[in-house]
Amino acid sequence: MDGEFGNDIITISDDDGNVFMLEHIDTIESDGVYYVAFLPADLDEDDENYGLVILKAVEEAGEESFLSIDDESLRRELHKRFIERIENE
C-alpha cells in the first residue's frame, strides 16, 4: 500500500446501512499498517464538538477498504498522534 487513498472525500456505510461522507485529513503508517484520519464532510466550521474518525486501511484483491479499530488503547494512541500532527501543521 502506498499511502495514497484517492479523493479527499469518501463515502462509507456502517453495519446498519447508514451512509457517511468523510474527508480524509491525514494518514499514519505504523509497522506496515496504514491508519487514516477523517472528519465528517458536512462538518460546520464553528462546531467544536466534532469527532475524529480513525480507520485502518486494508487492501484485499486490489480493492481498498477501511475497517474500524477494536483495540481501545490503539485507538487512543492513534488519536493522540493524529491530534499532535494536526496541531503542528
PDB file of N, CA and C in Angstrom:
ATOM      1  N   MET A   1       0.851  -1.174   0.000  1.00  0.00           N
ATOM      2  CA  MET A   1       0.000   0.000   0.000  1.00  0.00           C
ATOM      3  C   MET A   1       0.890   1.228   0.000  1.00  0.00           C
ATOM      4  N   ASP A   2       0.561   2.181  -0.813  1.00  0.00           N
ATOM      5  CA  ASP A   2       1.449   3.307  -0.999  1.00  0.00           C
ATOM      6  C   ASP A   2       1.051   4.548  -0.218  1.00  0.00           C
ATOM      7  N   GLY A   3       0.000   4.491   0.562  1.00  0.00           N
ATOM      8  CA  GLY A   3      -0.401   5.641   1.356  1.00  0.00           C
ATOM      9  C   GLY A   3      -1.284   6.620   0.604  1.00  0.00           C
ATOM     10  N   GLU A   4      -1.518   6.382  -0.669  1.00  0.00           N
ATOM     11  CA  GLU A   4      -2.392   7.242  -1.439  1.00  0.00           C
ATOM     12  C   GLU A   4      -3.789   6.651  -1.407  1.00  0.00           C
ATOM     13  N   PHE A   5      -4.757   7.442  -1.013  1.00  0.00           N
ATOM     14  CA  PHE A   5      -6.101   6.929  -0.815  1.00  0.00           C
ATOM     15  C   PHE A   5      -7.125   7.584  -1.728  1.00  0.00           C
ATOM     16  N   GLY A   6      -6.669   8.150  -2.843  1.00  0.00           N
ATOM     17  CA  GLY A   6      -7.607   8.702  -3.799  1.00  0.00           C
ATOM     18  C   GLY A   6      -8.142  10.054  -3.383  1.00  0.00           C
ATOM     19  N   ASN A   7      -9.423  10.273  -3.631  1.00  0.00           N
ATOM     20  CA  ASN A   7     -10.049  11.558  -3.359  1.00  0.00           C
ATOM     21  C   ASN A   7     -10.018  11.897  -1.878  1.00  0.00           C
ATOM     22  N   ASP A   8     -10.207  13.166  -1.583  1.00  0.00           N
ATOM     23  CA  ASP A   8     -10.231  13.619  -0.200  1.00  0.00           C
ATOM     24  C   ASP A   8     -11.535  13.277   0.493  1.00  0.00           C
ATOM     25  N   ILE A   9     -12.576  12.962  -0.262  1.00  0.00           N
ATOM     26  CA  ILE A   9     -13.883  12.625   0.310  1.00  0.00           C
ATOM     27  C   ILE A   9     -14.206  11.169  -0.031  1.00  0.00           C
ATOM     28  N   ILE A  10     -14.615  10.409   0.998  1.00  0.00           N
ATOM     29  CA  ILE A  10     -15.062   9.036   0.767  1.00  0.00           C
ATOM     30  C   ILE A  10     -16.468   8.887   1.342  1.00  0.00           C
ATOM     31  N   THR A  11     -17.159   7.895   0.864  1.00  0.00           N
ATOM     32  CA  THR A  11     -18.475   7.551   1.396  1.00  0.00           C
ATOM     33  C   THR A  11     -18.374   6.145   1.971  1.00  0.00           C
ATOM     34  N   ILE A  12     -18.768   5.994   3.225  1.00  0.00           N
ATOM     35  CA  ILE A  12     -18.759   4.688   3.862  1.00  0.00           C
ATOM     36  C   ILE A  12     -20.135   4.423   4.464  1.00  0.00           C
ATOM     37  N   SER A  13     -20.397   3.165   4.748  1.00  0.00           N
ATOM     38  CA  SER A  13     -21.644   2.826   5.432  1.00  0.00           C
ATOM     39  C   SER A  13     -21.312   1.922   6.611  1.00  0.00           C
ATOM     40  N   ASP A  14     -22.123   2.036   7.661  1.00  0.00           N
ATOM     41  CA  ASP A  14     -21.912   1.200   8.834  1.00  0.00           C
ATOM     42  C   ASP A  14     -22.736  -0.077   8.711  1.00  0.00           C
ATOM     43  N   ASP A  15     -22.674  -0.906   9.742  1.00  0.00           N
ATOM     44  CA  ASP A  15     -23.377  -2.198   9.718  1.00  0.00           C
ATOM     45  C   ASP A  15     -24.890  -2.045   9.628  1.00  0.00           C
ATOM     46  N   ASP A  16     -25.411  -0.872  10.022  1.00  0.00           N
ATOM     47  CA  ASP A  16     -26.851  -0.633   9.969  1.00  0.00           C
ATOM     48  C   ASP A  16     -27.301  -0.016   8.652  1.00  0.00           C
ATOM     49  N   GLY A  17     -26.346   0.205   7.729  1.00  0.00           N
ATOM     50  CA  GLY A  17     -26.692   0.779   6.432  1.00  0.00           C
ATOM     51  C   GLY A  17     -26.683   2.292   6.395  1.00  0.00           C
ATOM     52  N   ASN A  18     -26.286   2.947   7.490  1.00  0.00           N
ATOM     53  CA  ASN A  18     -26.185   4.397   7.499  1.00  0.00           C
ATOM     54  C   ASN A  18     -24.979   4.819   6.668  1.00  0.00           C
ATOM     55  N   VAL A  19     -25.162   5.835   5.829  1.00  0.00           N
ATOM     56  CA  VAL A  19     -24.107   6.288   4.930  1.00  0.00           C
ATOM     57  C   VAL A  19     -23.518   7.592   5.467  1.00  0.00           C
ATOM     58  N   PHE A  20     -22.174   7.679   5.413  1.00  0.00           N
ATOM     59  CA  PHE A  20     -21.466   8.847   5.903  1.00  0.00           C
ATOM     60  C   PHE A  20     -20.457   9.303   4.859  1.00  0.00           C
ATOM     61  N   MET A  21     -20.348  10.610   4.705  1.00  0.00           N
ATOM     62  CA  MET A  21     -19.304  11.182   3.856  1.00  0.00           C
ATOM     63  C   MET A  21     -18.220  11.721   4.770  1.00  0.00           C
ATOM     64  N   LEU A  22     -16.978  11.290   4.511  1.00  0.00           N
ATOM     65  CA  LEU A  22     -15.854  11.665   5.349  1.00  0.00           C
ATOM     66  C   LEU A  22     -14.753  12.301   4.520  1.00  0.00           C
ATOM     67  N   GLU A  23     -14.101  13.292   5.102  1.00  0.00           N
ATOM     68  CA  GLU A  23     -12.977  13.956   4.443  1.00  0.00           C
ATOM     69  C   GLU A  23     -11.672  13.439   5.028  1.00  0.00           C
ATOM     70  N   HIS A  24     -10.814  12.929   4.176  1.00  0.00           N
ATOM     71  CA  HIS A  24      -9.503  12.415   4.587  1.00  0.00           C
ATOM     72  C   HIS A  24      -8.609  13.592   4.969  1.00  0.00           C
ATOM     73  N   ILE A  25      -8.061  13.551   6.194  1.00  0.00           N
ATOM     74  CA  ILE A  25      -7.201  14.647   6.624  1.00  0.00           C
ATOM     75  C   ILE A  25      -5.757  14.235   6.870  1.00  0.00           C
ATOM     76  N   ASP A  26      -5.495  12.949   7.147  1.00  0.00           N
ATOM     77  CA  ASP A  26      -4.118  12.533   7.413  1.00  0.00           C
ATOM     78  C   ASP A  26      -4.038  11.004   7.405  1.00  0.00           C
ATOM     79  N   THR A  27      -2.818  10.504   7.198  1.00  0.00           N
ATOM     80  CA  THR A  27      -2.543   9.076   7.222  1.00  0.00           C
ATOM     81  C   THR A  27      -1.266   8.835   8.004  1.00  0.00           C
ATOM     82  N   ILE A  28      -1.280   7.818   8.845  1.00  0.00           N
ATOM     83  CA  ILE A  28      -0.101   7.410   9.608  1.00  0.00           C
ATOM     84  C   ILE A  28       0.185   5.951   9.301  1.00  0.00           C
ATOM     85  N   GLU A  29       1.454   5.639   9.078  1.00  0.00           N
ATOM     86  CA  GLU A  29       1.874   4.255   8.890  1.00  0.00           C
ATOM     87  C   GLU A  29       2.568   3.803  10.165  1.00  0.00           C
ATOM     88  N   SER A  30       2.198   2.636  10.647  1.00  0.00           N
ATOM     89  CA  SER A  30       2.809   2.080  11.850  1.00  0.00           C
ATOM     90  C   SER A  30       2.978   0.581  11.650  1.00  0.00           C
ATOM     91  N   ASP A  31       4.218   0.118  11.660  1.00  0.00           N
ATOM     92  CA  ASP A  31       4.520  -1.306  11.484  1.00  0.00           C
ATOM     93  C   ASP A  31       3.887  -1.889  10.226  1.00  0.00           C
ATOM     94  N   GLY A  32       3.925  -1.128   9.138  1.00  0.00           N
ATOM     95  CA  GLY A  32       3.390  -1.608   7.873  1.00  0.00           C
ATOM     96  C   GLY A  32       1.887  -1.527   7.734  1.00  0.00           C
ATOM     97  N   VAL A  33       1.216  -0.952   8.722  1.00  0.00           N
ATOM     98  CA  VAL A  33      -0.237  -0.800   8.702  1.00  0.00           C
ATOM     99  C   VAL A  33      -0.548   0.687   8.566  1.00  0.00           C
ATOM    100  N   TYR A  34      -1.499   1.018   7.681  1.00  0.00           N
ATOM    101  CA  TYR A  34      -1.891   2.409   7.480  1.00  0.00           C
ATOM    102  C   TYR A  34      -3.171   2.698   8.249  1.00  0.00           C
ATOM    103  N   TYR A  35      -3.135   3.811   8.987  1.00  0.00           N
ATOM    104  CA  TYR A  35      -4.302   4.296   9.715  1.00  0.00           C
ATOM    105  C   TYR A  35      -4.651   5.662   9.143  1.00  0.00           C
ATOM    106  N   VAL A  36      -5.943   5.878   8.919  1.00  0.00           N
ATOM    107  CA  VAL A  36      -6.393   7.056   8.216  1.00  0.00           C
ATOM    108  C   VAL A  36      -7.353   7.844   9.106  1.00  0.00           C
ATOM    109  N   ALA A  37      -7.125   9.160   9.170  1.00  0.00           N
ATOM    110  CA  ALA A  37      -7.992  10.036   9.965  1.00  0.00           C
ATOM    111  C   ALA A  37      -8.916  10.799   9.029  1.00  0.00           C
ATOM    112  N   PHE A  38     -10.180  10.863   9.431  1.00  0.00           N
ATOM    113  CA  PHE A  38     -11.209  11.556   8.670  1.00  0.00           C
ATOM    114  C   PHE A  38     -11.988  12.484   9.601  1.00  0.00           C
ATOM    115  N   LEU A  39     -12.599  13.492   8.998  1.00  0.00           N
ATOM    116  CA  LEU A  39     -13.598  14.325   9.660  1.00  0.00           C
ATOM    117  C   LEU A  39     -14.882  14.212   8.857  1.00  0.00           C
ATOM    118  N   PRO A  40     -16.027  14.363   9.498  1.00  0.00           N
ATOM    119  CA  PRO A  40     -17.281  14.366   8.737  1.00  0.00           C
ATOM    120  C   PRO A  40     -17.226  15.446   7.659  1.00  0.00           C
ATOM    121  N   ALA A  41     -17.614  15.111   6.436  1.00  0.00           N
ATOM    122  CA  ALA A  41     -17.545  16.051   5.316  1.00  0.00           C
ATOM    123  C   ALA A  41     -18.502  17.221   5.492  1.00  0.00           C
ATOM    124  N   ASP A  42     -19.562  17.019   6.253  1.00  0.00           N
ATOM    125  CA  ASP A  42     -20.551  18.082   6.452  1.00  0.00           C
ATOM    126  C   ASP A  42     -20.310  18.850   7.751  1.00  0.00           C
ATOM    127  N   LEU A  43     -19.086  18.816   8.242  1.00  0.00           N
ATOM    128  CA  LEU A  43     -18.730  19.477   9.497  1.00  0.00           C
ATOM    129  C   LEU A  43     -18.904  20.983   9.381  1.00  0.00           C
ATOM    130  N   ASP A  44     -19.604  21.575  10.323  1.00  0.00           N
ATOM    131  CA  ASP A  44     -19.761  23.021  10.399  1.00  0.00           C
ATOM    132  C   ASP A  44     -18.473  23.588  10.977  1.00  0.00           C
ATOM    133  N   GLU A  45     -17.881  24.583  10.317  1.00  0.00           N
ATOM    134  CA  GLU A  45     -16.604  25.150  10.763  1.00  0.00           C
ATOM    135  C   GLU A  45     -16.659  25.682  12.190  1.00  0.00           C
ATOM    136  N   ASP A  46     -17.831  26.076  12.652  1.00  0.00           N
ATOM    137  CA  ASP A  46     -17.973  26.617  14.003  1.00  0.00           C
ATOM    138  C   ASP A  46     -18.222  25.534  15.044  1.00  0.00           C
ATOM    139  N   ASP A  47     -18.399  24.299  14.603  1.00  0.00           N
ATOM    140  CA  ASP A  47     -18.699  23.202  15.514  1.00  0.00           C
ATOM    141  C   ASP A  47     -17.417  22.710  16.174  1.00  0.00           C
ATOM    142  N   GLU A  48     -17.314  22.899  17.477  1.00  0.00           N
ATOM    143  CA  GLU A  48     -16.130  22.460  18.213  1.00  0.00           C
ATOM    144  C   GLU A  48     -16.289  21.036  18.725  1.00  0.00           C
ATOM    145  N   ASN A  49     -17.467  20.452  18.594  1.00  0.00           N
ATOM    146  CA  ASN A  49     -17.742  19.121  19.112  1.00  0.00           C
ATOM    147  C   ASN A  49     -17.767  18.088  17.985  1.00  0.00           C
ATOM    148  N   TYR A  50     -16.688  18.040  17.232  1.00  0.00           N
ATOM    149  CA  TYR A  50     -16.624  17.065  16.149  1.00  0.00           C
ATOM    150  C   TYR A  50     -15.847  15.848  16.609  1.00  0.00           C
ATOM    151  N   GLY A  51     -16.029  14.772  15.900  1.00  0.00           N
ATOM    152  CA  GLY A  51     -15.308  13.556  16.225  1.00  0.00           C
ATOM    153  C   GLY A  51     -14.355  13.173  15.113  1.00  0.00           C
ATOM    154  N   LEU A  52     -13.123  12.950  15.470  1.00  0.00           N
ATOM    155  CA  LEU A  52     -12.135  12.458  14.530  1.00  0.00           C
ATOM    156  C   LEU A  52     -12.408  10.975  14.313  1.00  0.00           C
ATOM    157  N   VAL A  53     -12.557  10.567  13.075  1.00  0.00           N
ATOM    158  CA  VAL A  53     -12.825   9.176  12.740  1.00  0.00           C
ATOM    159  C   VAL A  53     -11.507   8.563  12.269  1.00  0.00           C
ATOM    160  N   ILE A  54     -11.052   7.512  12.951  1.00  0.00           N
ATOM    161  CA  ILE A  54      -9.799   6.857  12.603  1.00  0.00           C
ATOM    162  C   ILE A  54     -10.105   5.418  12.204  1.00  0.00           C
ATOM    163  N   LEU A  55      -9.672   5.050  11.009  1.00  0.00           N
ATOM    164  CA  LEU A  55      -9.927   3.724  10.472  1.00  0.00           C
ATOM    165  C   LEU A  55      -8.625   3.096   9.991  1.00  0.00           C
ATOM    166  N   LYS A  56      -8.609   1.781   9.955  1.00  0.00           N
ATOM    167  CA  LYS A  56      -7.471   1.027   9.441  1.00  0.00           C
ATOM    168  C   LYS A  56      -7.704   0.782   7.954  1.00  0.00           C
ATOM    169  N   ALA A  57      -6.711   1.124   7.123  1.00  0.00           N
ATOM    170  CA  ALA A  57      -6.814   0.908   5.687  1.00  0.00           C
ATOM    171  C   ALA A  57      -6.278  -0.484   5.359  1.00  0.00           C
ATOM    172  N   VAL A  58      -7.042  -1.231   4.579  1.00  0.00           N
ATOM    173  CA  VAL A  58      -6.620  -2.567   4.155  1.00  0.00           C
ATOM    174  C   VAL A  58      -6.835  -2.692   2.652  1.00  0.00           C
ATOM    175  N   GLU A  59      -6.011  -3.521   2.043  1.00  0.00           N
ATOM    176  CA  GLU A  59      -6.145  -3.778   0.619  1.00  0.00           C
ATOM    177  C   GLU A  59      -6.292  -5.275   0.421  1.00  0.00           C
ATOM    178  N   GLU A  60      -7.375  -5.663  -0.225  1.00  0.00           N
ATOM    179  CA  GLU A  60      -7.656  -7.068  -0.492  1.00  0.00           C
ATOM    180  C   GLU A  60      -8.039  -7.206  -1.948  1.00  0.00           C
ATOM    181  N   ALA A  61      -7.320  -8.068  -2.658  1.00  0.00           N
ATOM    182  CA  ALA A  61      -7.589  -8.321  -4.076  1.00  0.00           C
ATOM    183  C   ALA A  61      -7.614  -7.030  -4.881  1.00  0.00           C
ATOM    184  N   GLY A  62      -6.701  -6.107  -4.547  1.00  0.00           N
ATOM    185  CA  GLY A  62      -6.613  -4.848  -5.271  1.00  0.00           C
ATOM    186  C   GLY A  62      -7.649  -3.817  -4.896  1.00  0.00           C
ATOM    187  N   GLU A  63      -8.530  -4.151  -3.981  1.00  0.00           N
ATOM    188  CA  GLU A  63      -9.578  -3.224  -3.528  1.00  0.00           C
ATOM    189  C   GLU A  63      -9.202  -2.660  -2.167  1.00  0.00           C
ATOM    190  N   GLU A  64      -9.380  -1.371  -2.006  1.00  0.00           N
ATOM    191  CA  GLU A  64      -9.069  -0.722  -0.739  1.00  0.00           C
ATOM    192  C   GLU A  64     -10.344  -0.584   0.092  1.00  0.00           C
ATOM    193  N   SER A  65     -10.225  -0.870   1.380  1.00  0.00           N
ATOM    194  CA  SER A  65     -11.360  -0.677   2.278  1.00  0.00           C
ATOM    195  C   SER A  65     -10.842  -0.198   3.620  1.00  0.00           C
ATOM    196  N   PHE A  66     -11.763   0.223   4.455  1.00  0.00           N
ATOM    197  CA  PHE A  66     -11.416   0.767   5.765  1.00  0.00           C
ATOM    198  C   PHE A  66     -12.164  -0.008   6.837  1.00  0.00           C
ATOM    199  N   LEU A  67     -11.448  -0.364   7.882  1.00  0.00           N
ATOM    200  CA  LEU A  67     -12.020  -1.132   8.977  1.00  0.00           C
ATOM    201  C   LEU A  67     -11.948  -0.342  10.274  1.00  0.00           C
ATOM    202  N   SER A  68     -12.911  -0.591  11.150  1.00  0.00           N
ATOM    203  CA  SER A  68     -12.858   0.031  12.472  1.00  0.00           C
ATOM    204  C   SER A  68     -11.724  -0.599  13.277  1.00  0.00           C
ATOM    205  N   ILE A  69     -11.287   0.114  14.298  1.00  0.00           N
ATOM    206  CA  ILE A  69     -10.193  -0.347  15.161  1.00  0.00           C
ATOM    207  C   ILE A  69     -10.818  -0.745  16.491  1.00  0.00           C
ATOM    208  N   ASP A  70     -10.754  -2.030  16.812  1.00  0.00           N
ATOM    209  CA  ASP A  70     -11.393  -2.547  18.020  1.00  0.00           C
ATOM    210  C   ASP A  70     -10.575  -2.323  19.283  1.00  0.00           C
ATOM    211  N   ASP A  71      -9.266  -2.219  19.157  1.00  0.00           N
ATOM    212  CA  ASP A  71      -8.370  -2.073  20.305  1.00  0.00           C
ATOM    213  C   ASP A  71      -8.438  -0.635  20.834  1.00  0.00           C
ATOM    214  N   GLU A  72      -9.041  -0.474  22.009  1.00  0.00           N
ATOM    215  CA  GLU A  72      -9.254   0.862  22.591  1.00  0.00           C
ATOM    216  C   GLU A  72      -7.941   1.598  22.844  1.00  0.00           C
ATOM    217  N   SER A  73      -6.922   0.914  23.348  1.00  0.00           N
ATOM    218  CA  SER A  73      -5.646   1.582  23.636  1.00  0.00           C
ATOM    219  C   SER A  73      -4.968   2.021  22.337  1.00  0.00           C
ATOM    220  N   LEU A  74      -5.070   1.235  21.287  1.00  0.00           N
ATOM    221  CA  LEU A  74      -4.523   1.619  19.986  1.00  0.00           C
ATOM    222  C   LEU A  74      -5.265   2.835  19.449  1.00  0.00           C
ATOM    223  N   ARG A  75      -6.595   2.832  19.576  1.00  0.00           N
ATOM    224  CA  ARG A  75      -7.387   3.989  19.124  1.00  0.00           C
ATOM    225  C   ARG A  75      -6.973   5.258  19.840  1.00  0.00           C
ATOM    226  N   ARG A  76      -6.775   5.164  21.159  1.00  0.00           N
ATOM    227  CA  ARG A  76      -6.358   6.352  21.925  1.00  0.00           C
ATOM    228  C   ARG A  76      -4.985   6.839  21.489  1.00  0.00           C
ATOM    229  N   GLU A  77      -4.051   5.913  21.293  1.00  0.00           N
ATOM    230  CA  GLU A  77      -2.696   6.274  20.861  1.00  0.00           C
ATOM    231  C   GLU A  77      -2.722   6.924  19.479  1.00  0.00           C
ATOM    232  N   LEU A  78      -3.473   6.343  18.556  1.00  0.00           N
ATOM    233  CA  LEU A  78      -3.574   6.925  17.216  1.00  0.00           C
ATOM    234  C   LEU A  78      -4.226   8.302  17.259  1.00  0.00           C
ATOM    235  N   HIS A  79      -5.274   8.446  18.058  1.00  0.00           N
ATOM    236  CA  HIS A  79      -5.941   9.742  18.193  1.00  0.00           C
ATOM    237  C   HIS A  79      -4.944  10.787  18.670  1.00  0.00           C
ATOM    238  N   LYS A  80      -4.163  10.449  19.686  1.00  0.00           N
ATOM    239  CA  LYS A  80      -3.154  11.369  20.223  1.00  0.00           C
ATOM    240  C   LYS A  80      -2.151  11.752  19.135  1.00  0.00           C
ATOM    241  N   ARG A  81      -1.667  10.764  18.369  1.00  0.00           N
ATOM    242  CA  ARG A  81      -0.688  11.038  17.310  1.00  0.00           C
ATOM    243  C   ARG A  81      -1.274  11.922  16.216  1.00  0.00           C
ATOM    244  N   PHE A  82      -2.515  11.654  15.802  1.00  0.00           N
ATOM    245  CA  PHE A  82      -3.134  12.474  14.778  1.00  0.00           C
ATOM    246  C   PHE A  82      -3.343  13.913  15.266  1.00  0.00           C
ATOM    247  N   ILE A  83      -3.820  14.081  16.486  1.00  0.00           N
ATOM    248  CA  ILE A  83      -4.043  15.415  17.023  1.00  0.00           C
ATOM    249  C   ILE A  83      -2.725  16.188  17.085  1.00  0.00           C
ATOM    250  N   GLU A  84      -1.664  15.553  17.526  1.00  0.00           N
ATOM    251  CA  GLU A  84      -0.350  16.213  17.577  1.00  0.00           C
ATOM    252  C   GLU A  84       0.081  16.650  16.184  1.00  0.00           C
ATOM    253  N   ARG A  85      -0.106  15.790  15.191  1.00  0.00           N
ATOM    254  CA  ARG A  85       0.268  16.147  13.813  1.00  0.00           C
ATOM    255  C   ARG A  85      -0.576  17.296  13.287  1.00  0.00           C
ATOM    256  N   ILE A  86      -1.864  17.280  13.584  1.00  0.00           N
ATOM    257  CA  ILE A  86      -2.764  18.345  13.123  1.00  0.00           C
ATOM    258  C   ILE A  86      -2.380  19.670  13.767  1.00  0.00           C
ATOM    259  N   GLU A  87      -2.093  19.652  15.059  1.00  0.00           N
ATOM    260  CA  GLU A  87      -1.739  20.877  15.771  1.00  0.00           C
ATOM    261  C   GLU A  87      -0.395  21.434  15.312  1.00  0.00           C
ATOM    262  N   ASN A  88       0.494  20.586  14.829  1.00  0.00           N
ATOM    263  CA  ASN A  88       1.806  21.037  14.366  1.00  0.00           C
ATOM    264  C   ASN A  88       1.798  21.579  12.936  1.00  0.00           C
ATOM    265  N   GLU A  89       0.681  21.424  12.235  1.00  0.00           N
ATOM    266  CA  GLU A  89       0.600  21.925  10.850  1.00  0.00           C
ATOM    267  C   GLU A  89       0.252  23.380  10.810  1.00  0.00           C
TER     268      GLU A  89
END
